[in-house]
All heavy atoms as atom14 arrays in JSON, in Angstrom:
{
  "sequence": "TLGTLLTSSMAAYAFARIRFFGRGFWFMLFLATMMVPA",
  "atom14_mask": [
    [1, 1, 1, 1, 1, 1, 1, 0, 0, 0, 0, 0, 0, 0],
    [1, 1, 1, 1, 1, 1, 1, 1, 0, 0, 0, 0, 0, 0],
    [1, 1, 1, 1, 0, 0, 0, 0, 0, 0, 0, 0, 0, 0],
    [1, 1, 1, 1, 1, 1, 1, 0, 0, 0, 0, 0, 0, 0],
    [1, 1, 1, 1, 1, 1, 1, 1, 0, 0, 0, 0, 0, 0],
    [1, 1, 1, 1, 1, 1, 1, 1, 0, 0, 0, 0, 0, 0],
    [1, 1, 1, 1, 1, 1, 1, 0, 0, 0, 0, 0, 0, 0],
    [1, 1, 1, 1, 1, 1, 0, 0, 0, 0, 0, 0, 0, 0],
    [1, 1, 1, 1, 1, 1, 0, 0, 0, 0, 0, 0, 0, 0],
    [1, 1, 1, 1, 1, 1, 1, 1, 0, 0, 0, 0, 0, 0],
    [1, 1, 1, 1, 1, 0, 0, 0, 0, 0, 0, 0, 0, 0],
    [1, 1, 1, 1, 1, 0, 0, 0, 0, 0, 0, 0, 0, 0],
    [1, 1, 1, 1, 1, 1, 1, 1, 1, 1, 1, 1, 0, 0],
    [1, 1, 1, 1, 1, 0, 0, 0, 0, 0, 0, 0, 0, 0],
    [1, 1, 1, 1, 1, 1, 1, 1, 1, 1, 1, 0, 0, 0],
    [1, 1, 1, 1, 1, 0, 0, 0, 0, 0, 0, 0, 0, 0],
    [1, 1, 1, 1, 1, 1, 1, 1, 1, 1, 1, 0, 0, 0],
    [1, 1, 1, 1, 1, 1, 1, 1, 0, 0, 0, 0, 0, 0],
    [1, 1, 1, 1, 1, 1, 1, 1, 1, 1, 1, 0, 0, 0],
    [1, 1, 1, 1, 1, 1, 1, 1, 1, 1, 1, 0, 0, 0],
    [1, 1, 1, 1, 1, 1, 1, 1, 1, 1, 1, 0, 0, 0],
    [1, 1, 1, 1, 0, 0, 0, 0, 0, 0, 0, 0, 0, 0],
    [1, 1, 1, 1, 1, 1, 1, 1, 1, 1, 1, 0, 0, 0],
    [1, 1, 1, 1, 0, 0, 0, 0, 0, 0, 0, 0, 0, 0],
    [1, 1, 1, 1, 1, 1, 1, 1, 1, 1, 1, 0, 0, 0],
    [1, 1, 1, 1, 1, 1, 1, 1, 1, 1, 1, 1, 1, 1],
    [1, 1, 1, 1, 1, 1, 1, 1, 1, 1, 1, 0, 0, 0],
    [1, 1, 1, 1, 1, 1, 1, 1, 0, 0, 0, 0, 0, 0],
    [1, 1, 1, 1, 1, 1, 1, 1, 0, 0, 0, 0, 0, 0],
    [1, 1, 1, 1, 1, 1, 1, 1, 1, 1, 1, 0, 0, 0],
    [1, 1, 1, 1, 1, 1, 1, 1, 0, 0, 0, 0, 0, 0],
    [1, 1, 1, 1, 1, 0, 0, 0, 0, 0, 0, 0, 0, 0],
    [1, 1, 1, 1, 1, 1, 1, 0, 0, 0, 0, 0, 0, 0],
    [1, 1, 1, 1, 1, 1, 1, 1, 0, 0, 0, 0, 0, 0],
    [1, 1, 1, 1, 1, 1, 1, 1, 0, 0, 0, 0, 0, 0],
    [1, 1, 1, 1, 1, 1, 1, 0, 0, 0, 0, 0, 0, 0],
    [1, 1, 1, 1, 1, 1, 1, 0, 0, 0, 0, 0, 0, 0],
    [1, 1, 1, 1, 1, 0, 0, 0, 0, 0, 0, 0, 0, 0]
  ],
  "atom14_positions": [
    [[105.78, 116.93, 101.09], [104.41, 116.91, 100.6], [104.3, 117.55, 99.23], [103.7, 116.98, 98.3], [103.48, 117.63, 101.59], [103.53, 116.97, 102.86], [102.05, 117.64, 101.08], [0.0, 0.0, 0.0], [0.0, 0.0, 0.0], [0.0, 0.0, 0.0], [0.0, 0.0, 0.0], [0.0, 0.0, 0.0], [0.0, 0.0, 0.0], [0.0, 0.0, 0.0]],
    [[104.87, 118.74, 99.05], [104.8, 119.43, 97.76], [105.52, 118.64, 96.68], [105.02, 118.48, 95.56], [105.39, 120.83, 97.89], [104.65, 121.8, 98.82], [105.39, 123.14, 98.9], [103.22, 122.01, 98.35], [0.0, 0.0, 0.0], [0.0, 0.0, 0.0], [0.0, 0.0, 0.0], [0.0, 0.0, 0.0], [0.0, 0.0, 0.0], [0.0, 0.0, 0.0]],
    [[106.71, 118.13, 97.0], [107.45, 117.35, 96.02], [106.77, 116.05, 95.66], [106.74, 115.65, 94.48], [0.0, 0.0, 0.0], [0.0, 0.0, 0.0], [0.0, 0.0, 0.0], [0.0, 0.0, 0.0], [0.0, 0.0, 0.0], [0.0, 0.0, 0.0], [0.0, 0.0, 0.0], [0.0, 0.0, 0.0], [0.0, 0.0, 0.0], [0.0, 0.0, 0.0]],
    [[106.17, 115.39, 96.64], [105.46, 114.13, 96.38], [104.25, 114.35, 95.49], [103.98, 113.54, 94.59], [105.03, 113.49, 97.71], [106.19, 113.17, 98.48], [104.23, 112.22, 97.46], [0.0, 0.0, 0.0], [0.0, 0.0, 0.0], [0.0, 0.0, 0.0], [0.0, 0.0, 0.0], [0.0, 0.0, 0.0], [0.0, 0.0, 0.0], [0.0, 0.0, 0.0]],
    [[103.51, 115.42, 95.72], [102.35, 115.71, 94.87], [102.77, 115.92, 93.43], [102.07, 115.49, 92.5], [101.62, 116.94, 95.41], [100.9, 116.78, 96.75], [100.25, 118.09, 97.16], [99.87, 115.67, 96.68], [0.0, 0.0, 0.0], [0.0, 0.0, 0.0], [0.0, 0.0, 0.0], [0.0, 0.0, 0.0], [0.0, 0.0, 0.0], [0.0, 0.0, 0.0]],
    [[103.9, 116.58, 93.22], [104.37, 116.82, 91.85], [104.81, 115.53, 91.18], [104.35, 115.19, 90.09], [105.52, 117.82, 91.88], [106.18, 118.11, 90.52], [105.19, 118.72, 89.55], [107.4, 119.02, 90.7], [0.0, 0.0, 0.0], [0.0, 0.0, 0.0], [0.0, 0.0, 0.0], [0.0, 0.0, 0.0], [0.0, 0.0, 0.0], [0.0, 0.0, 0.0]],
    [[105.7, 114.78, 91.81], [106.23, 113.57, 91.18], [105.18, 112.47, 91.06], [105.12, 111.77, 90.04], [107.44, 113.05, 91.97], [107.05, 112.8, 93.34], [108.58, 114.07, 91.96], [0.0, 0.0, 0.0], [0.0, 0.0, 0.0], [0.0, 0.0, 0.0], [0.0, 0.0, 0.0], [0.0, 0.0, 0.0], [0.0, 0.0, 0.0], [0.0, 0.0, 0.0]],
    [[104.34, 112.31, 92.08], [103.33, 111.25, 92.04], [102.28, 111.54, 90.97], [101.83, 110.61, 90.29], [102.66, 111.11, 93.41], [103.58, 110.67, 94.38], [0.0, 0.0, 0.0], [0.0, 0.0, 0.0], [0.0, 0.0, 0.0], [0.0, 0.0, 0.0], [0.0, 0.0, 0.0], [0.0, 0.0, 0.0], [0.0, 0.0, 0.0], [0.0, 0.0, 0.0]],
    [[101.88, 112.78, 90.82], [100.88, 113.11, 89.8], [101.45, 112.9, 88.4], [100.75, 112.41, 87.5], [100.4, 114.56, 89.97], [101.49, 115.47, 89.86], [0.0, 0.0, 0.0], [0.0, 0.0, 0.0], [0.0, 0.0, 0.0], [0.0, 0.0, 0.0], [0.0, 0.0, 0.0], [0.0, 0.0, 0.0], [0.0, 0.0, 0.0], [0.0, 0.0, 0.0]],
    [[102.72, 113.25, 88.19], [103.33, 113.04, 86.87], [103.45, 111.55, 86.56], [103.14, 111.1, 85.45], [104.7, 113.71, 86.83], [104.64, 115.23, 86.95], [106.28, 115.99, 87.1], [106.96, 115.62, 85.5], [0.0, 0.0, 0.0], [0.0, 0.0, 0.0], [0.0, 0.0, 0.0], [0.0, 0.0, 0.0], [0.0, 0.0, 0.0], [0.0, 0.0, 0.0]],
    [[103.91, 110.77, 87.55], [104.04, 109.32, 87.33], [102.68, 108.67, 87.14], [102.53, 107.77, 86.31], [104.78, 108.69, 88.5], [0.0, 0.0, 0.0], [0.0, 0.0, 0.0], [0.0, 0.0, 0.0], [0.0, 0.0, 0.0], [0.0, 0.0, 0.0], [0.0, 0.0, 0.0], [0.0, 0.0, 0.0], [0.0, 0.0, 0.0], [0.0, 0.0, 0.0]],
    [[101.69, 109.12, 87.91], [100.35, 108.55, 87.78], [99.77, 108.82, 86.39], [99.15, 107.93, 85.78], [99.43, 109.14, 88.85], [0.0, 0.0, 0.0], [0.0, 0.0, 0.0], [0.0, 0.0, 0.0], [0.0, 0.0, 0.0], [0.0, 0.0, 0.0], [0.0, 0.0, 0.0], [0.0, 0.0, 0.0], [0.0, 0.0, 0.0], [0.0, 0.0, 0.0]],
    [[99.97, 110.01, 85.88], [99.48, 110.34, 84.53], [100.2, 109.5, 83.48], [99.58, 109.02, 82.52], [99.67, 111.82, 84.26], [99.21, 112.24, 82.88], [97.86, 112.24, 82.55], [100.13, 112.63, 81.92], [97.43, 112.61, 81.29], [99.72, 113.02, 80.66], [98.37, 113.0, 80.35], [97.94, 113.37, 79.1], [0.0, 0.0, 0.0], [0.0, 0.0, 0.0]],
    [[101.5, 109.3, 83.66], [102.26, 108.51, 82.7], [101.78, 107.06, 82.69], [101.58, 106.46, 81.62], [103.76, 108.57, 83.03], [0.0, 0.0, 0.0], [0.0, 0.0, 0.0], [0.0, 0.0, 0.0], [0.0, 0.0, 0.0], [0.0, 0.0, 0.0], [0.0, 0.0, 0.0], [0.0, 0.0, 0.0], [0.0, 0.0, 0.0], [0.0, 0.0, 0.0]],
    [[101.58, 106.47, 83.86], [101.12, 105.08, 83.93], [99.69, 104.93, 83.43], [99.32, 103.85, 82.94], [101.22, 104.56, 85.36], [102.6, 104.1, 85.75], [103.26, 104.68, 86.82], [103.23, 103.08, 85.05], [104.53, 104.26, 87.18], [104.5, 102.65, 85.41], [105.16, 103.24, 86.48], [0.0, 0.0, 0.0], [0.0, 0.0, 0.0], [0.0, 0.0, 0.0]],
    [[98.88, 105.95, 83.56], [97.47, 105.84, 83.18], [97.21, 106.16, 81.72], [96.29, 105.59, 81.12], [96.62, 106.77, 84.05], [0.0, 0.0, 0.0], [0.0, 0.0, 0.0], [0.0, 0.0, 0.0], [0.0, 0.0, 0.0], [0.0, 0.0, 0.0], [0.0, 0.0, 0.0], [0.0, 0.0, 0.0], [0.0, 0.0, 0.0], [0.0, 0.0, 0.0]],
    [[98.02, 107.05, 81.12], [97.69, 107.54, 79.79], [98.76, 107.29, 78.72], [98.44, 107.1, 77.56], [97.43, 109.05, 79.85], [96.1, 109.41, 80.49], [94.95, 109.01, 79.57], [93.69, 109.59, 80.02], [92.79, 108.97, 80.75], [93.04, 107.72, 81.14], [91.66, 109.55, 81.09], [0.0, 0.0, 0.0], [0.0, 0.0, 0.0], [0.0, 0.0, 0.0]],
    [[100.02, 107.33, 79.09], [101.09, 107.2, 78.09], [101.4, 105.73, 77.87], [101.68, 105.0, 78.82], [102.35, 107.96, 78.54], [102.03, 109.44, 78.76], [103.46, 107.8, 77.51], [103.19, 110.26, 79.26], [0.0, 0.0, 0.0], [0.0, 0.0, 0.0], [0.0, 0.0, 0.0], [0.0, 0.0, 0.0], [0.0, 0.0, 0.0], [0.0, 0.0, 0.0]],
    [[101.35, 105.31, 76.61], [101.64, 103.92, 76.28], [103.14, 103.76, 76.02], [103.72, 104.45, 75.18], [100.84, 103.5, 75.04], [99.33, 103.54, 75.25], [98.6, 103.01, 74.04], [97.15, 103.01, 74.23], [96.48, 102.05, 74.85], [97.13, 100.98, 75.29], [95.18, 102.14, 75.0], [0.0, 0.0, 0.0], [0.0, 0.0, 0.0], [0.0, 0.0, 0.0]],
    [[103.76, 102.86, 76.76], [105.17, 102.56, 76.55], [105.38, 101.08, 76.83], [104.54, 100.42, 77.45], [106.08, 103.44, 77.42], [105.76, 103.39, 78.9], [106.34, 102.44, 79.73], [104.87, 104.3, 79.45], [106.06, 102.4, 81.07], [104.57, 104.27, 80.81], [105.16, 103.32, 81.62], [0.0, 0.0, 0.0], [0.0, 0.0, 0.0], [0.0, 0.0, 0.0]],
    [[106.51, 100.56, 76.38], [106.78, 99.12, 76.47], [106.84, 98.68, 77.93], [107.57, 99.26, 78.74], [108.1, 98.79, 75.76], [108.49, 97.34, 75.86], [107.84, 96.37, 75.1], [109.49, 96.94, 76.73], [108.18, 95.03, 75.19], [109.83, 95.6, 76.84], [109.18, 94.65, 76.07], [0.0, 0.0, 0.0], [0.0, 0.0, 0.0], [0.0, 0.0, 0.0]],
    [[106.09, 97.64, 78.26], [106.11, 97.07, 79.6], [105.44, 97.93, 80.65], [105.8, 97.82, 81.84], [0.0, 0.0, 0.0], [0.0, 0.0, 0.0], [0.0, 0.0, 0.0], [0.0, 0.0, 0.0], [0.0, 0.0, 0.0], [0.0, 0.0, 0.0], [0.0, 0.0, 0.0], [0.0, 0.0, 0.0], [0.0, 0.0, 0.0], [0.0, 0.0, 0.0]],
    [[104.49, 98.75, 80.25], [103.85, 99.66, 81.21], [103.21, 98.89, 82.36], [103.39, 99.25, 83.54], [102.8, 100.52, 80.51], [102.12, 101.51, 81.43], [101.11, 102.37, 80.69], [100.0, 101.59, 80.17], [98.91, 102.13, 79.6], [98.82, 103.45, 79.46], [97.94, 101.36, 79.16], [0.0, 0.0, 0.0], [0.0, 0.0, 0.0], [0.0, 0.0, 0.0]],
    [[102.46, 97.85, 82.06], [101.81, 97.08, 83.12], [102.81, 96.39, 84.03], [102.63, 96.36, 85.26], [0.0, 0.0, 0.0], [0.0, 0.0, 0.0], [0.0, 0.0, 0.0], [0.0, 0.0, 0.0], [0.0, 0.0, 0.0], [0.0, 0.0, 0.0], [0.0, 0.0, 0.0], [0.0, 0.0, 0.0], [0.0, 0.0, 0.0], [0.0, 0.0, 0.0]],
    [[103.87, 95.83, 83.44], [104.88, 95.15, 84.24], [105.58, 96.12, 85.17], [105.76, 95.81, 86.36], [105.91, 94.48, 83.32], [107.12, 93.99, 84.05], [107.08, 92.81, 84.79], [108.32, 94.71, 84.01], [108.21, 92.35, 85.47], [109.43, 94.26, 84.69], [109.38, 93.08, 85.42], [0.0, 0.0, 0.0], [0.0, 0.0, 0.0], [0.0, 0.0, 0.0]],
    [[105.98, 97.27, 84.66], [106.7, 98.24, 85.49], [105.8, 98.8, 86.59], [106.27, 99.08, 87.69], [107.25, 99.38, 84.63], [108.36, 98.95, 83.73], [108.36, 98.94, 82.36], [109.64, 98.46, 84.13], [109.55, 98.47, 81.88], [110.37, 98.16, 82.95], [110.25, 98.22, 85.36], [111.65, 97.66, 82.97], [111.53, 97.72, 85.39], [112.22, 97.45, 84.21]],
    [[104.52, 98.94, 86.3], [103.62, 99.45, 87.33], [103.43, 98.41, 88.43], [103.42, 98.75, 89.62], [102.26, 99.81, 86.72], [101.29, 100.38, 87.72], [101.51, 101.63, 88.29], [100.16, 99.68, 88.09], [100.63, 102.16, 89.21], [99.27, 100.2, 89.01], [99.51, 101.44, 89.57], [0.0, 0.0, 0.0], [0.0, 0.0, 0.0], [0.0, 0.0, 0.0]],
    [[103.28, 97.14, 88.07], [103.17, 96.09, 89.09], [104.45, 95.98, 89.9], [104.41, 95.78, 91.12], [102.84, 94.75, 88.42], [101.48, 94.7, 87.75], [100.13, 95.03, 88.92], [100.32, 93.66, 90.04], [0.0, 0.0, 0.0], [0.0, 0.0, 0.0], [0.0, 0.0, 0.0], [0.0, 0.0, 0.0], [0.0, 0.0, 0.0], [0.0, 0.0, 0.0]],
    [[105.6, 96.11, 89.25], [106.87, 96.09, 89.97], [106.96, 97.29, 90.91], [107.47, 97.18, 92.04], [108.03, 96.09, 88.98], [109.43, 95.94, 89.57], [109.58, 94.59, 90.25], [110.49, 96.11, 88.48], [0.0, 0.0, 0.0], [0.0, 0.0, 0.0], [0.0, 0.0, 0.0], [0.0, 0.0, 0.0], [0.0, 0.0, 0.0], [0.0, 0.0, 0.0]],
    [[106.45, 98.43, 90.45], [106.43, 99.64, 91.27], [105.58, 99.42, 92.51], [105.99, 99.78, 93.63], [105.87, 100.78, 90.42], [106.12, 102.14, 90.98], [107.39, 102.68, 90.98], [105.08, 102.9, 91.48], [107.63, 103.94, 91.48], [105.31, 104.16, 91.99], [106.59, 104.68, 91.99], [0.0, 0.0, 0.0], [0.0, 0.0, 0.0], [0.0, 0.0, 0.0]],
    [[104.41, 98.82, 92.35], [103.53, 98.56, 93.48], [104.1, 97.49, 94.41], [103.86, 97.53, 95.62], [102.14, 98.13, 93.0], [101.29, 99.18, 92.32], [99.91, 98.61, 92.0], [101.13, 100.43, 93.18], [0.0, 0.0, 0.0], [0.0, 0.0, 0.0], [0.0, 0.0, 0.0], [0.0, 0.0, 0.0], [0.0, 0.0, 0.0], [0.0, 0.0, 0.0]],
    [[104.85, 96.55, 93.87], [105.41, 95.47, 94.69], [106.37, 96.01, 95.74], [106.59, 95.37, 96.77], [106.11, 94.45, 93.81], [0.0, 0.0, 0.0], [0.0, 0.0, 0.0], [0.0, 0.0, 0.0], [0.0, 0.0, 0.0], [0.0, 0.0, 0.0], [0.0, 0.0, 0.0], [0.0, 0.0, 0.0], [0.0, 0.0, 0.0], [0.0, 0.0, 0.0]],
    [[106.94, 97.18, 95.5], [107.86, 97.75, 96.48], [107.15, 98.13, 97.77], [107.8, 98.3, 98.81], [108.55, 98.99, 95.9], [107.57, 99.98, 95.54], [109.36, 98.62, 94.66], [0.0, 0.0, 0.0], [0.0, 0.0, 0.0], [0.0, 0.0, 0.0], [0.0, 0.0, 0.0], [0.0, 0.0, 0.0], [0.0, 0.0, 0.0], [0.0, 0.0, 0.0]],
    [[105.83, 98.26, 97.74], [105.08, 98.59, 98.95], [105.13, 97.44, 99.95], [104.89, 97.65, 101.15], [103.63, 98.93, 98.6], [103.46, 100.16, 97.73], [101.74, 100.47, 97.26], [101.0, 100.77, 98.86], [0.0, 0.0, 0.0], [0.0, 0.0, 0.0], [0.0, 0.0, 0.0], [0.0, 0.0, 0.0], [0.0, 0.0, 0.0], [0.0, 0.0, 0.0]],
    [[105.43, 96.23, 99.47], [105.5, 95.08, 100.37], [106.87, 94.91, 101.01], [107.06, 94.04, 101.86], [105.14, 93.8, 99.6], [103.71, 93.78, 99.07], [103.29, 92.22, 98.27], [104.33, 92.29, 96.83], [0.0, 0.0, 0.0], [0.0, 0.0, 0.0], [0.0, 0.0, 0.0], [0.0, 0.0, 0.0], [0.0, 0.0, 0.0], [0.0, 0.0, 0.0]],
    [[107.84, 95.73, 100.61], [109.19, 95.63, 101.16], [109.29, 96.53, 102.38], [109.09, 97.74, 102.28], [110.24, 96.05, 100.12], [111.65, 95.95, 100.7], [110.12, 95.2, 98.86], [0.0, 0.0, 0.0], [0.0, 0.0, 0.0], [0.0, 0.0, 0.0], [0.0, 0.0, 0.0], [0.0, 0.0, 0.0], [0.0, 0.0, 0.0], [0.0, 0.0, 0.0]],
    [[109.6, 95.98, 103.56], [109.7, 96.82, 104.76], [110.84, 97.83, 104.64], [111.88, 97.55, 104.02], [109.98, 95.8, 105.89], [109.56, 94.48, 105.33], [109.8, 94.56, 103.86], [0.0, 0.0, 0.0], [0.0, 0.0, 0.0], [0.0, 0.0, 0.0], [0.0, 0.0, 0.0], [0.0, 0.0, 0.0], [0.0, 0.0, 0.0], [0.0, 0.0, 0.0]],
    [[110.66, 98.98, 105.25], [111.69, 100.01, 105.2], [112.97, 99.56, 105.87], [114.08, 99.95, 105.47], [111.17, 101.29, 105.86], [0.0, 0.0, 0.0], [0.0, 0.0, 0.0], [0.0, 0.0, 0.0], [0.0, 0.0, 0.0], [0.0, 0.0, 0.0], [0.0, 0.0, 0.0], [0.0, 0.0, 0.0], [0.0, 0.0, 0.0], [0.0, 0.0, 0.0]]
  ]
}
């Protein structure tokens, strides 16, 4: 829980505020992993 809060908040801030090449594509690819069964 503690580790997830740290890494998720940092990644969320990066995807929301920091502009980098392919940000939208990488975020959609990141979300697409939620459809892959464990």
